Amino acid sequence: MKWFALRYIFQIISGDGNYASQFDEQLRLIQAKDAQEALNKGEGQSENFHRPFRNCKGELVKWEFICIADLYEIEAPGDGSEIASVLHEPEDMANFLDELKRREAFLHQSISIKNPN
């Protein structure tokens, strides 16, 4: 069996749809014998990832599966395995680096709050 990384695209639909459109991109791992089986398996599993729920306004919120946008064969996952990579070409490098520092600080703060040891 081989490992594949699949990029799923879902549209988040809430209530009567009178809101800004939201799309959720997810990277998920699938184990299959080949790419065709991984795609079939991935599409078959897509409806079971998110159960509809009611938000605080009582509106039904659901994830509508749009497609699997990418599929990559990867090495068997292990500690430190790369499962995704994004190349950035920021117009303003200073702002880009500042945003990364803010995210890093938030991550470290969030982890220390969850693990007060």
C-alpha atoms as a PDB file:
ATOM      1  CA  MET A   1       0.000   0.000   0.000  1.00  0.00           C
ATOM      2  CA  LYS A   2       1.080   3.534  -0.750  1.00  0.00           C
ATOM      3  CA  TRP A   3       0.364   6.854   0.964  1.00  0.00           C
ATOM      4  CA  PHE A   4      -1.273   9.831  -0.721  1.00  0.00           C
ATOM      5  CA  ALA A   5      -1.943  13.405   0.373  1.00  0.00           C
ATOM      6  CA  LEU A   6      -5.269  14.707  -0.917  1.00  0.00           C
ATOM      7  CA  ARG A   7      -6.385  18.343  -0.895  1.00  0.00           C
ATOM      8  CA  TYR A   8     -10.123  18.532  -0.280  1.00  0.00           C
ATOM      9  CA  ILE A   9     -12.213  21.634  -0.965  1.00  0.00           C
ATOM     10  CA  PHE A  10     -15.460  22.172   0.951  1.00  0.00           C
ATOM     11  CA  GLN A  11     -17.865  25.093   0.889  1.00  0.00           C
ATOM     12  CA  ILE A  12     -19.208  26.002   4.315  1.00  0.00           C
ATOM     13  CA  ILE A  13     -22.908  26.791   4.073  1.00  0.00           C
ATOM     14  CA  SER A  14     -24.714  28.449   6.951  1.00  0.00           C
ATOM     15  CA  GLY A  15     -28.427  29.210   7.243  1.00  0.00           C
ATOM     16  CA  ASP A  16     -30.012  30.872   4.212  1.00  0.00           C
ATOM     17  CA  GLY A  17     -26.625  31.649   2.670  1.00  0.00           C
ATOM     18  CA  ASN A  18     -26.723  35.402   3.368  1.00  0.00           C
ATOM     19  CA  TYR A  19     -23.050  35.620   4.375  1.00  0.00           C
ATOM     20  CA  ALA A  20     -19.583  35.898   2.874  1.00  0.00           C
ATOM     21  CA  SER A  21     -18.673  32.707   1.016  1.00  0.00           C
ATOM     22  CA  GLN A  22     -16.352  30.426   2.954  1.00  0.00           C
ATOM     23  CA  PHE A  23     -14.288  27.558   1.612  1.00  0.00           C
ATOM     24  CA  ASP A  24     -12.327  25.081   3.689  1.00  0.00           C
ATOM     25  CA  GLU A  25      -9.172  23.470   2.233  1.00  0.00           C
ATOM     26  CA  GLN A  26      -8.044  20.327   3.997  1.00  0.00           C
ATOM     27  CA  LEU A  27      -5.017  18.092   3.491  1.00  0.00           C
ATOM     28  CA  ARG A  28      -5.744  14.497   4.423  1.00  0.00           C
ATOM     29  CA  LEU A  29      -3.750  11.288   4.212  1.00  0.00           C
ATOM     30  CA  ILE A  30      -5.137   8.248   2.397  1.00  0.00           C
ATOM     31  CA  GLN A  31      -3.558   4.822   2.100  1.00  0.00           C
ATOM     32  CA  ALA A  32      -4.283   2.980  -1.159  1.00  0.00           C
ATOM     33  CA  LYS A  33      -2.671   0.704  -3.756  1.00  0.00           C
ATOM     34  CA  ASP A  34      -2.579   3.428  -6.454  1.00  0.00           C
ATOM     35  CA  ALA A  35      -3.713   6.986  -7.262  1.00  0.00           C
ATOM     36  CA  GLN A  36      -7.078   5.891  -8.718  1.00  0.00           C
ATOM     37  CA  GLU A  37      -7.950   3.927  -5.582  1.00  0.00           C
ATOM     38  CA  ALA A  38      -6.817   6.883  -3.421  1.00  0.00           C
ATOM     39  CA  LEU A  39      -9.068   9.250  -5.375  1.00  0.00           C
ATOM     40  CA  ASN A  40     -12.056   6.886  -5.197  1.00  0.00           C
ATOM     41  CA  LYS A  41     -11.486   6.261  -1.496  1.00  0.00           C
ATOM     42  CA  GLY A  42     -11.027   9.976  -0.800  1.00  0.00           C
ATOM     43  CA  GLU A  43     -14.215  10.945  -2.619  1.00  0.00           C
ATOM     44  CA  GLY A  44     -16.124   8.177  -0.840  1.00  0.00           C
ATOM     45  CA  GLN A  45     -14.979   9.362   2.580  1.00  0.00           C
ATOM     46  CA  SER A  46     -15.604  13.072   1.942  1.00  0.00           C
ATOM     47  CA  GLU A  47     -19.224  13.089   3.108  1.00  0.00           C
ATOM     48  CA  ASN A  48     -18.320  11.677   6.534  1.00  0.00           C
ATOM     49  CA  PHE A  49     -15.753  14.271   7.644  1.00  0.00           C
ATOM     50  CA  HIS A  50     -18.128  16.954   8.922  1.00  0.00           C
ATOM     51  CA  ARG A  51     -21.486  16.487  10.542  1.00  0.00           C
ATOM     52  CA  PRO A  52     -23.976  19.364  10.182  1.00  0.00           C
ATOM     53  CA  PHE A  53     -24.727  21.333  13.350  1.00  0.00           C
ATOM     54  CA  ARG A  54     -26.772  24.334  14.457  1.00  0.00           C
ATOM     55  CA  ASN A  55     -24.905  27.531  15.241  1.00  0.00           C
ATOM     56  CA  CYS A  56     -25.759  29.951  18.050  1.00  0.00           C
ATOM     57  CA  LYS A  57     -28.470  31.506  15.817  1.00  0.00           C
ATOM     58  CA  GLY A  58     -30.081  28.110  15.274  1.00  0.00           C
ATOM     59  CA  GLU A  59     -28.980  28.032  11.623  1.00  0.00           C
ATOM     60  CA  LEU A  60     -27.875  24.774  10.052  1.00  0.00           C
ATOM     61  CA  VAL A  61     -24.148  24.800   9.215  1.00  0.00           C
ATOM     62  CA  LYS A  62     -22.798  22.201   6.826  1.00  0.00           C
ATOM     63  CA  TRP A  63     -19.714  21.483   4.732  1.00  0.00           C
ATOM     64  CA  GLU A  64     -20.544  20.770   1.092  1.00  0.00           C
ATOM     65  CA  PHE A  65     -17.891  18.714  -0.661  1.00  0.00           C
ATOM     66  CA  ILE A  66     -16.711  20.490  -3.825  1.00  0.00           C
ATOM     67  CA  CYS A  67     -13.836  18.334  -5.044  1.00  0.00           C
ATOM     68  CA  ILE A  68     -10.447  16.833  -4.422  1.00  0.00           C
ATOM     69  CA  ALA A  69      -8.226  19.468  -5.987  1.00  0.00           C
ATOM     70  CA  ASP A  70      -4.842  17.732  -5.673  1.00  0.00           C
ATOM     71  CA  LEU A  71      -3.516  14.255  -5.036  1.00  0.00           C
ATOM     72  CA  TYR A  72       0.151  13.469  -4.383  1.00  0.00           C
ATOM     73  CA  GLU A  73       1.865  10.175  -3.695  1.00  0.00           C
ATOM     74  CA  ILE A  74       4.091  10.625  -0.655  1.00  0.00           C
ATOM     75  CA  GLU A  75       6.542   8.524   1.305  1.00  0.00           C
ATOM     76  CA  ALA A  76       5.155   6.590   4.256  1.00  0.00           C
ATOM     77  CA  PRO A  77       4.512   9.143   7.006  1.00  0.00           C
ATOM     78  CA  GLY A  78       6.862   9.182   9.922  1.00  0.00           C
ATOM     79  CA  ASP A  79       8.082  11.638  12.501  1.00  0.00           C
ATOM     80  CA  GLY A  80       8.954  14.835  10.652  1.00  0.00           C
ATOM     81  CA  SER A  81       7.512  13.751   7.284  1.00  0.00           C
ATOM     82  CA  GLU A  82       6.593  16.589   4.950  1.00  0.00           C
ATOM     83  CA  ILE A  83       2.951  16.390   3.909  1.00  0.00           C
ATOM     84  CA  ALA A  84       2.573  19.836   2.360  1.00  0.00           C
ATOM     85  CA  SER A  85       4.629  22.754   1.152  1.00  0.00           C
ATOM     86  CA  VAL A  86       3.540  26.252   0.143  1.00  0.00           C
ATOM     87  CA  LEU A  87       5.755  28.644  -1.788  1.00  0.00           C
ATOM     88  CA  HIS A  88       5.257  32.340  -0.991  1.00  0.00           C
ATOM     89  CA  GLU A  89       6.368  35.364  -3.000  1.00  0.00           C
ATOM     90  CA  PRO A  90       5.215  38.248  -0.804  1.00  0.00           C
ATOM     91  CA  GLU A  91       5.066  41.740  -2.211  1.00  0.00           C
ATOM     92  CA  ASP A  92       6.000  43.135   1.197  1.00  0.00           C
ATOM     93  CA  MET A  93       8.538  40.847   2.839  1.00  0.00           C
ATOM     94  CA  ALA A  94       8.640  42.820   6.099  1.00  0.00           C
ATOM     95  CA  ASN A  95       4.868  42.492   6.605  1.00  0.00           C
ATOM     96  CA  PHE A  96       5.010  38.813   5.667  1.00  0.00           C
ATOM     97  CA  LEU A  97       7.742  38.142   8.244  1.00  0.00           C
ATOM     98  CA  ASP A  98       5.908  40.207  10.882  1.00  0.00           C
ATOM     99  CA  GLU A  99       2.758  38.106  10.326  1.00  0.00           C
ATOM    100  CA  LEU A 100       4.788  34.917  10.697  1.00  0.00           C
ATOM    101  CA  LYS A 101       6.231  36.181  13.991  1.00  0.00           C
ATOM    102  CA  ARG A 102       2.702  36.960  15.248  1.00  0.00           C
ATOM    103  CA  ARG A 103       1.554  33.456  14.318  1.00  0.00           C
ATOM    104  CA  GLU A 104       4.590  31.924  15.989  1.00  0.00           C
ATOM    105  CA  ALA A 105       3.968  33.897  19.192  1.00  0.00           C
ATOM    106  CA  PHE A 106       0.284  32.935  19.186  1.00  0.00           C
ATOM    107  CA  LEU A 107       1.185  29.258  18.698  1.00  0.00           C
ATOM    108  CA  HIS A 108       3.659  29.289  21.584  1.00  0.00           C
ATOM    109  CA  GLN A 109       1.170  31.134  23.803  1.00  0.00           C
ATOM    110  CA  SER A 110      -1.629  28.709  22.921  1.00  0.00           C
ATOM    111  CA  ILE A 111       0.523  25.675  23.674  1.00  0.00           C
ATOM    112  CA  SER A 112       1.669  27.073  27.020  1.00  0.00           C
ATOM    113  CA  ILE A 113      -1.960  27.790  27.985  1.00  0.00           C
ATOM    114  CA  LYS A 114      -3.047  24.231  27.126  1.00  0.00           C
ATOM    115  CA  ASN A 115       0.033  22.692  28.798  1.00  0.00           C
ATOM    116  CA  PRO A 116       0.706  24.761  31.923  1.00  0.00           C
ATOM    117  CA  ASN A 117       3.609  22.478  33.007  1.00  0.00           C
END
